[in-house]
Protein backbone atom coordinates (compact mmCIF):
# COMPACT_ATOMS: atom_id res chain seq x y z
CA MET A 1 -15.23 123.73 226.94
CA ALA A 2 -11.55 123.92 227.68
CA GLU A 3 -12.52 123.34 231.37
CA SER A 4 -13.87 120.10 231.05
CA LEU A 5 -10.59 118.85 229.23
CA HIS A 6 -8.96 117.30 232.71
CA SER A 7 -7.02 113.91 233.08
CA LEU A 8 -8.75 111.49 235.78
CA THR A 9 -6.85 110.02 238.82
CA PRO A 10 -5.94 106.45 237.30
CA PRO A 11 -6.99 103.23 239.71
CA LYS A 12 -4.86 103.63 242.96
CA THR A 13 -1.42 101.64 242.76
CA GLY A 14 -1.95 98.32 243.40
CA THR A 15 -5.87 98.17 243.02
CA ARG A 16 -6.35 95.40 241.01
CA PRO A 17 -9.74 93.79 238.85
CA ASP A 18 -12.20 92.33 241.54
CA MET A 19 -14.99 90.03 240.39
CA GLN A 20 -17.47 90.85 243.10
CA ALA A 21 -16.57 94.77 242.11
CA PHE A 22 -17.37 93.88 238.76
CA LEU A 23 -20.46 92.12 239.23
CA SER A 24 -21.94 94.76 241.79
CA LEU A 25 -23.92 97.01 239.84
CA GLY A 26 -25.53 96.03 236.12
CA PHE A 27 -23.59 99.08 234.17
CA ARG A 28 -20.18 97.14 234.93
CA PRO A 29 -20.61 94.03 232.79
CA LEU A 30 -23.08 95.20 230.32
CA TYR A 31 -22.02 98.77 229.63
CA ILE A 32 -18.71 96.71 228.41
CA ALA A 33 -20.56 94.16 226.84
CA GLY A 34 -22.84 96.56 224.74
CA GLY A 35 -19.96 98.86 223.82
CA GLY A 36 -17.87 96.10 223.00
CA TRP A 37 -20.90 94.54 220.48
CA ALA A 38 -21.90 97.98 219.05
CA LEU A 39 -17.78 97.82 217.77
CA ILE A 40 -17.91 94.04 216.70
CA SER A 41 -20.98 94.34 215.15
CA ILE A 42 -20.36 96.86 213.03
CA ALA A 43 -17.04 95.70 211.80
CA ILE A 44 -18.79 92.20 210.83
CA TRP A 45 -21.35 94.33 209.27
CA ILE A 46 -19.73 96.63 207.19
CA PHE A 47 -16.32 94.96 206.63
CA ALA A 48 -17.08 90.87 206.87
CA PRO A 49 -20.86 90.47 206.07
CA GLN A 50 -19.73 87.13 204.77
CA TRP A 51 -19.75 85.74 208.19
CA LEU A 52 -23.24 86.02 208.56
CA ASN A 53 -25.56 83.00 208.39
CA ALA A 54 -29.01 82.16 207.85
CA PRO A 55 -31.82 82.19 209.08
CA LEU A 56 -31.21 86.07 210.80
CA ALA A 57 -28.06 87.16 208.18
CA GLY A 58 -27.60 90.33 206.24
CA MET A 59 -29.83 93.36 207.32
CA ALA A 60 -32.12 91.35 209.69
CA TRP A 61 -29.06 90.37 211.90
CA HIS A 62 -27.44 93.97 211.76
CA ALA A 63 -30.93 95.74 212.43
CA HIS A 64 -31.53 93.22 215.36
CA GLU A 65 -28.07 93.60 216.65
CA MET A 66 -28.12 97.02 216.77
CA LEU A 67 -31.52 97.73 218.48
CA TRP A 68 -31.55 94.91 220.85
CA GLY A 69 -27.80 93.35 220.99
CA PHE A 70 -26.42 97.21 221.64
CA ILE A 71 -29.31 100.09 222.15
CA ALA A 72 -31.34 97.61 224.05
CA THR A 73 -28.65 96.36 226.08
CA ILE A 74 -27.47 99.83 227.32
CA ALA A 75 -30.83 100.97 228.36
CA VAL A 76 -31.16 97.24 230.77
CA ALA A 77 -27.87 98.41 232.00
CA PHE A 78 -28.57 101.62 232.75
CA LEU A 79 -32.05 100.62 234.48
CA LEU A 80 -30.62 98.01 236.50
CA THR A 81 -28.50 100.13 238.23
CA ALA A 82 -30.48 103.48 237.94
CA SER A 83 -33.47 101.42 239.67
CA ALA A 84 -30.62 100.25 243.07
CA THR A 85 -30.74 104.08 243.55
CA TRP A 86 -33.99 104.74 243.27
CA THR A 87 -35.50 102.08 245.66
CA GLY A 88 -32.24 101.03 247.63
CA PHE A 89 -32.57 97.99 246.24
CA ASN A 90 -29.78 96.03 244.04
CA PRO A 91 -31.96 94.32 241.44
CA LEU A 92 -29.27 92.00 239.97
CA LYS A 93 -25.36 91.38 241.42
CA GLY A 94 -23.20 88.60 241.97
CA THR A 95 -23.63 85.28 240.29
CA PRO A 96 -27.28 86.19 238.95
CA LEU A 97 -26.03 89.21 237.20
CA GLY A 98 -23.27 87.05 235.69
CA LEU A 99 -25.73 84.48 234.57
CA VAL A 100 -27.99 87.02 233.01
CA CYS A 101 -24.98 88.75 231.10
CA LEU A 102 -23.98 84.75 230.29
CA LEU A 103 -27.50 84.35 228.71
CA TRP A 104 -26.57 87.84 226.38
CA VAL A 105 -23.31 86.13 225.60
CA VAL A 106 -25.04 83.17 224.11
CA ALA A 107 -27.67 85.01 221.97
CA ARG A 108 -24.87 87.02 220.36
CA GLY A 109 -22.90 83.91 219.50
CA GLY A 110 -26.04 81.65 218.67
CA PHE A 111 -27.09 84.35 216.18
CA LEU A 112 -23.85 85.26 214.89
CA ILE A 113 -23.42 81.09 213.91
CA GLY A 114 -26.79 80.48 212.82
CA GLY A 115 -28.43 77.39 211.23
CA ASP A 116 -31.58 76.12 213.35
CA ILE A 117 -30.28 75.19 216.82
CA ALA A 118 -28.28 77.82 217.10
CA THR A 119 -30.59 80.48 216.36
CA HIS A 120 -32.92 78.71 218.65
CA VAL A 121 -30.77 78.62 221.17
CA ALA A 122 -30.15 82.49 220.55
CA CYS A 123 -33.69 83.27 220.77
CA ALA A 124 -34.40 81.42 223.86
CA SER A 125 -31.25 83.38 225.25
CA GLU A 126 -31.88 86.61 224.46
CA LEU A 127 -35.84 86.78 225.40
CA ALA A 128 -34.62 85.07 228.88
CA PHE A 129 -32.41 88.33 229.07
CA PHE A 130 -35.27 90.67 228.63
CA VAL A 131 -37.77 88.45 230.93
CA ILE A 132 -35.76 88.16 233.56
CA SER A 133 -34.55 91.81 233.73
CA ALA A 134 -37.85 93.28 233.76
CA ILE A 135 -38.70 90.58 236.57
CA CYS A 136 -35.75 92.03 238.78
CA LEU A 137 -36.72 95.57 238.21
CA MET A 138 -40.38 95.06 239.10
CA ARG A 139 -39.33 93.23 242.18
CA VAL A 140 -37.21 96.25 243.40
CA MET A 141 -39.92 98.81 242.33
CA ILE A 142 -42.48 96.38 244.26
CA LYS A 143 -40.36 96.01 246.91
CA GLY A 144 -39.00 99.95 247.09
CA LYS A 145 -42.62 101.46 246.48
CA SER A 146 -41.00 103.45 243.84
CA ARG A 147 -44.75 103.54 242.02
CA ARG A 148 -43.68 106.06 239.49
CA ASN A 149 -41.25 103.60 237.86
CA TYR A 150 -43.61 100.53 237.80
CA GLY A 151 -44.24 101.14 234.13
CA LEU A 152 -40.23 100.54 233.22
CA PRO A 153 -40.31 97.10 233.94
CA LEU A 154 -43.11 96.91 231.56
CA LEU A 155 -41.60 98.77 229.11
CA VAL A 156 -38.20 96.47 229.52
CA LEU A 157 -40.13 93.46 228.70
CA GLY A 158 -42.58 95.26 225.76
CA LEU A 159 -38.64 95.43 224.37
CA GLY A 160 -38.49 91.26 224.57
CA ILE A 161 -41.97 91.03 223.31
CA ALA A 162 -40.84 92.87 220.55
CA ASP A 163 -37.74 91.13 219.89
CA ALA A 164 -39.53 87.79 219.75
CA LEU A 165 -42.01 89.57 217.17
CA TYR A 166 -39.03 90.52 215.14
CA LEU A 167 -37.24 87.12 215.47
CA ARG A 168 -40.30 85.29 214.08
CA ALA A 169 -40.61 87.42 211.40
CA ALA A 170 -37.29 86.96 210.54
CA LEU A 171 -37.66 83.03 210.85
CA SER A 172 -40.54 82.96 208.56
CA GLY A 173 -38.56 85.01 205.48
CA ASP A 174 -41.39 87.76 205.81
CA TYR A 175 -39.31 90.99 205.01
CA VAL A 176 -42.76 93.47 204.95
CA LEU A 177 -43.47 91.96 208.42
CA LEU A 178 -39.87 92.02 209.60
CA MET A 179 -39.64 96.09 209.04
CA GLN A 180 -43.16 96.00 210.47
CA ARG A 181 -41.87 94.39 214.34
CA PHE A 182 -38.80 96.14 213.47
CA ASP A 183 -40.41 99.87 213.94
CA LEU A 184 -42.14 98.62 216.67
CA GLY A 185 -39.50 97.73 218.47
CA LEU A 186 -37.78 101.09 217.44
CA ILE A 187 -40.66 103.45 218.70
CA CYS A 188 -40.91 100.91 221.67
CA MET A 189 -36.99 101.67 222.39
CA ALA A 190 -38.03 105.53 221.77
CA VAL A 191 -40.43 105.56 224.62
CA ILE A 192 -38.05 104.03 227.34
CA ALA A 193 -35.68 106.81 225.98
CA LEU A 194 -37.83 109.58 226.27
CA LEU A 195 -38.58 108.79 229.30
CA ILE A 196 -35.21 108.01 230.85
CA ALA A 197 -33.70 111.17 228.98
CA ARG A 198 -36.78 113.53 230.47
CA ARG A 199 -35.59 112.76 234.01
CA VAL A 200 -31.45 112.79 233.90
CA ILE A 201 -30.75 115.84 231.79
CA PRO A 202 -32.68 118.38 233.79
CA PHE A 203 -31.17 116.21 236.72
CA PHE A 204 -27.71 116.20 235.43
CA SER A 205 -27.31 119.85 233.89
CA MET A 206 -28.89 121.41 236.98
CA ARG A 207 -26.29 119.39 239.28
CA MET A 208 -23.15 120.43 236.57
CA VAL A 209 -24.24 124.34 236.13
CA PRO A 210 -24.86 126.31 239.27
CA GLY A 211 -27.58 128.40 239.16
CA LEU A 212 -29.30 126.83 236.35
CA ASP A 213 -32.84 126.35 237.31
CA ILE A 214 -35.14 124.41 234.57
CA PRO A 215 -38.58 122.68 234.42
CA MET A 216 -38.82 118.70 234.64
CA GLN A 217 -41.61 119.01 231.98
CA VAL A 218 -43.59 116.60 233.88
CA ARG A 219 -46.79 117.13 232.51
CA SER A 220 -45.92 117.58 228.65
CA GLY A 221 -43.96 113.92 229.89
CA HIS A 222 -47.00 112.63 230.44
CA ILE A 223 -48.45 113.25 227.57
CA GLN A 224 -45.23 112.45 225.25
CA MET A 225 -45.33 108.63 226.72
CA VAL A 226 -49.32 108.48 226.72
CA VAL A 227 -48.95 109.70 222.85
CA SER A 228 -45.65 107.56 221.93
CA ILE A 229 -47.59 103.85 223.70
CA LEU A 230 -50.21 105.02 221.40
CA ALA A 231 -48.40 105.38 218.37
CA ILE A 232 -47.23 101.62 219.07
CA ILE A 233 -50.70 100.51 219.66
CA LEU A 234 -51.90 102.24 215.80
CA GLY A 235 -48.85 100.71 214.08
CA ILE A 236 -49.92 97.39 215.71
CA ALA A 237 -53.07 97.80 214.06
CA GLY A 238 -52.36 98.68 211.22
CA GLN A 239 -53.35 102.66 211.33
CA HIS A 240 -50.45 103.84 209.45
CA ARG A 241 -51.89 107.54 209.34
CA LEU A 242 -52.96 107.73 212.94
CA MET A 243 -50.04 106.47 213.61
CA ALA A 244 -47.50 109.38 211.87
CA VAL A 245 -49.99 111.82 213.94
CA ALA A 246 -48.90 110.31 216.92
CA LEU A 247 -45.47 110.38 216.11
CA ALA A 248 -45.40 113.64 214.96
CA ILE A 249 -46.74 115.06 218.14
CA THR A 250 -44.38 113.37 220.35
CA GLY A 251 -41.72 114.57 218.26
CA VAL A 252 -42.57 118.12 218.72
CA ILE A 253 -43.08 117.72 222.21
CA SER A 254 -39.29 116.52 222.44
CA LEU A 255 -37.80 119.47 220.68
CA TRP A 256 -40.36 121.90 223.05
CA GLN A 257 -38.73 120.26 225.70
CA THR A 258 -35.42 120.75 224.56
CA VAL A 259 -35.91 124.17 224.07
CA ARG A 260 -37.29 124.54 227.97
CA TRP A 261 -34.42 123.50 229.51
CA LYS A 262 -31.87 126.46 228.39
CA PRO A 263 -29.42 124.48 225.88
CA LEU A 264 -27.80 127.72 225.57
CA ALA A 265 -26.71 127.64 229.12
CA ILE A 266 -24.88 124.17 229.06
CA LEU A 267 -22.82 124.95 225.86
CA HIS A 268 -19.47 125.04 227.68
CA LYS A 269 -20.35 121.30 229.48
CA PRO A 270 -19.53 118.30 226.85
CA MET A 271 -21.22 115.75 229.35
CA LEU A 272 -24.55 118.03 229.16
CA TRP A 273 -24.95 119.12 225.77
CA ILE A 274 -23.68 115.20 224.44
CA LEU A 275 -27.06 114.38 225.85
CA TYR A 276 -29.32 117.47 224.31
CA LEU A 277 -28.05 116.99 221.29
CA GLY A 278 -29.14 113.18 221.12
CA TYR A 279 -32.40 114.48 222.66
CA ILE A 280 -33.18 116.77 219.65
CA ALA A 281 -31.90 114.17 217.14
CA MET A 282 -34.75 111.93 218.45
CA GLY A 283 -37.53 114.26 218.35
CA ILE A 284 -36.11 115.36 214.85
CA GLY A 285 -36.37 111.41 213.89
CA LEU A 286 -39.91 110.64 215.14
CA LEU A 287 -41.16 113.88 212.82
CA PHE A 288 -39.50 111.59 209.94
CA ALA A 289 -40.84 108.44 210.90
CA ALA A 290 -43.96 110.40 211.19
CA TRP A 291 -43.58 111.63 207.48
CA HIS A 292 -42.51 108.11 206.17
CA SER A 293 -45.47 106.26 208.41
CA SER A 294 -47.69 108.67 206.50
CA GLY A 295 -46.91 107.69 203.00
CA LEU A 296 -46.76 111.45 202.21
CA ALA A 297 -42.84 110.93 201.42
CA SER A 298 -40.79 110.96 198.65
CA GLY A 299 -37.50 109.98 197.12
CA VAL A 300 -34.74 109.04 199.29
CA LEU A 301 -36.84 109.96 202.41
CA THR A 302 -39.07 107.00 201.19
CA ARG A 303 -36.66 104.61 202.96
CA SER A 304 -36.99 103.89 206.37
CA ALA A 305 -33.19 103.69 206.39
CA VAL A 306 -33.75 107.39 207.11
CA HIS A 307 -35.61 108.12 210.26
CA VAL A 308 -33.95 104.56 211.70
CA HIS A 309 -31.21 106.18 211.62
CA ILE A 310 -31.92 109.42 212.58
CA ILE A 311 -33.23 107.85 215.85
CA GLY A 312 -30.65 104.91 216.00
CA MET A 313 -27.43 106.68 215.43
CA GLY A 314 -28.70 110.40 216.14
CA GLY A 315 -30.60 109.55 218.74
CA PHE A 316 -30.12 106.53 220.79
CA SER A 317 -26.21 106.64 220.07
CA VAL A 318 -25.00 110.08 220.79
CA LEU A 319 -27.61 109.42 224.15
CA ILE A 320 -25.80 106.38 224.73
CA ILE A 321 -22.19 107.47 224.28
CA GLY A 322 -22.75 110.51 227.11
CA MET A 323 -24.74 108.54 229.70
CA LEU A 324 -21.71 105.60 229.25
CA THR A 325 -19.29 108.55 229.97
CA ARG A 326 -21.26 110.05 232.71
CA THR A 327 -23.09 107.37 234.83
CA ALA A 328 -19.94 105.33 234.82
CA LEU A 329 -17.90 108.04 236.02
CA GLY A 330 -20.33 108.99 238.62
CA HIS A 331 -21.21 105.69 240.14
CA LEU A 332 -17.39 104.87 239.82
CA GLY A 333 -16.43 107.51 241.94
CA HIS A 334 -14.43 109.47 239.74
CA PRO A 335 -15.05 113.48 239.18
CA LEU A 336 -17.53 113.88 236.66
CA LYS A 337 -15.05 115.93 234.24
CA LEU A 338 -13.90 114.33 230.74
CA ASP A 339 -10.87 113.63 229.55
CA ASN A 340 -9.42 113.84 225.95
CA SER A 341 -10.10 110.83 225.09
CA MET A 342 -13.97 110.77 225.95
CA LEU A 343 -14.40 114.07 224.38
CA LEU A 344 -12.96 113.02 221.16
CA SER A 345 -15.62 109.76 221.47
CA TYR A 346 -18.22 112.45 221.91
CA TYR A 347 -16.91 113.68 218.42
CA LEU A 348 -16.36 110.62 216.75
CA VAL A 349 -19.68 109.21 217.42
CA ILE A 350 -21.07 112.47 215.76
CA VAL A 351 -19.35 112.18 212.66
CA ALA A 352 -20.15 108.57 212.52
CA VAL A 353 -23.77 109.87 212.34
CA VAL A 354 -23.13 112.41 209.81
CA LEU A 355 -21.75 110.19 207.67
CA ARG A 356 -23.82 107.38 207.81
CA LEU A 357 -27.05 109.76 206.63
CA ALA A 358 -24.98 111.29 204.04
CA ALA A 359 -24.22 107.86 202.87
CA LEU A 360 -28.17 107.24 202.68
CA TRP A 361 -27.91 109.62 199.27
CA PRO A 362 -27.15 107.41 196.25
CA SER A 363 -23.96 108.68 194.77
CA ASN A 364 -20.30 107.70 193.63
CA ALA A 365 -19.17 108.69 197.25
CA SER A 366 -21.66 106.25 199.11
CA LEU A 367 -19.57 103.13 200.25
CA MET A 368 -16.82 105.65 200.88
CA LEU A 369 -18.62 107.51 203.12
CA LEU A 370 -20.34 104.30 204.41
CA ASP A 371 -16.76 102.87 205.30
CA ALA A 372 -15.86 106.09 206.89
CA SER A 373 -18.25 106.03 209.43
CA ALA A 374 -18.19 102.55 210.48
CA LEU A 375 -14.57 103.51 210.93
CA SER A 376 -15.41 106.31 212.99
CA TRP A 377 -17.73 104.51 215.40
CA ILE A 378 -15.45 101.71 215.87
CA ALA A 379 -13.02 104.08 216.81
CA ALA A 380 -15.16 105.54 219.32
CA MET A 381 -16.35 102.54 220.34
CA ALA A 382 -12.92 101.52 221.16
CA LEU A 383 -11.79 104.77 223.19
CA TYR A 384 -15.07 104.39 224.97
CA LEU A 385 -13.40 100.73 226.21
CA TRP A 386 -9.72 101.34 226.48
CA ARG A 387 -10.60 104.38 228.91
CA PHE A 388 -13.29 103.07 231.26
CA VAL A 389 -12.59 99.20 231.11
CA PRO A 390 -9.96 99.15 233.38
CA MET A 391 -12.01 101.30 235.67
CA LEU A 392 -15.32 99.25 235.42
CA ILE A 393 -13.17 95.77 236.25
CA ARG A 394 -12.17 97.27 239.82
CA PRO A 395 -13.55 98.39 242.95
CA ARG A 396 -15.11 102.30 243.52
CA ALA A 397 -12.30 105.01 243.30
CA SER A 398 -13.79 106.33 246.44
């Protein structure tokens, strides 16, 4: 592990922030936006919930902002960037990218302000963000004849549709329907995360560990994608027992894939083990989601918050902190090595996950654990922003 702790070369002397560079690829503004909002939204939710205003307030606001405001935003940022590599065509850059980011900002502000007008403006802005992103992705996929990736824009559009259904349920005040729609969005995001991670984890691992040869798991990946989409359909149809079976199969496949990726061979590479850890948590979270959906859970495990936080924090967020560092360094022309602050951000996210899960069990320490989890999370995101914003707003290093 010690060999991975290096200080990165700072931007060249005289290199200044550059708007053209900043808006050259989707990850630059959206990594900052997503990471910043992850910090701000948790700080509001835990320490200043009185700032939240109806109709999207309380738990409804927190769930929405973490899934669509943070996690889905980072996914879109990654796809807008990766698609340029896959197809040879940049889907969004310059002024159009800036305007799409502005839609995202308007959505965040509108949901926070509350009230009918601000909320409806926020809804329209957010849905436009997902629809425009999906259209731009599909345009370059078709232009670049990247047929194997045609499904990705449709999944981004699916995220937008799930978001619209969630917001409609929130505005109607139907809490039960709200949670069903949230689970729909969560699984839709899981399909995207599994698809992306299944591709990049073996690729990154074989590039960083000389001589490592691991299978891409194409066949099991296809089964995993089909079954996970089937889980979404069954959930919409109200077939929760069958949905549980589909979720369990998806989770087991995820864990099986991780074993096949030779995890012991990458333990000396934090930039890799953080991705493996997130993928494992995704698989475990899907098994807990299956247990919950089956109706067989009891006690604390009957709470949807258990599988939601295992998937959302242990899975998505752990994968995200790994991807935020690795992909940013690669695209910005810096060595693929972690410095102390980057590695510390990994540990802080993991601590935040452990503390948040511990806080789910009722005890006198629950509130203290929740606050400690939030502080660890905020520190992790602050470290990321402190280290990477200066790089993200400047031209590529080489």
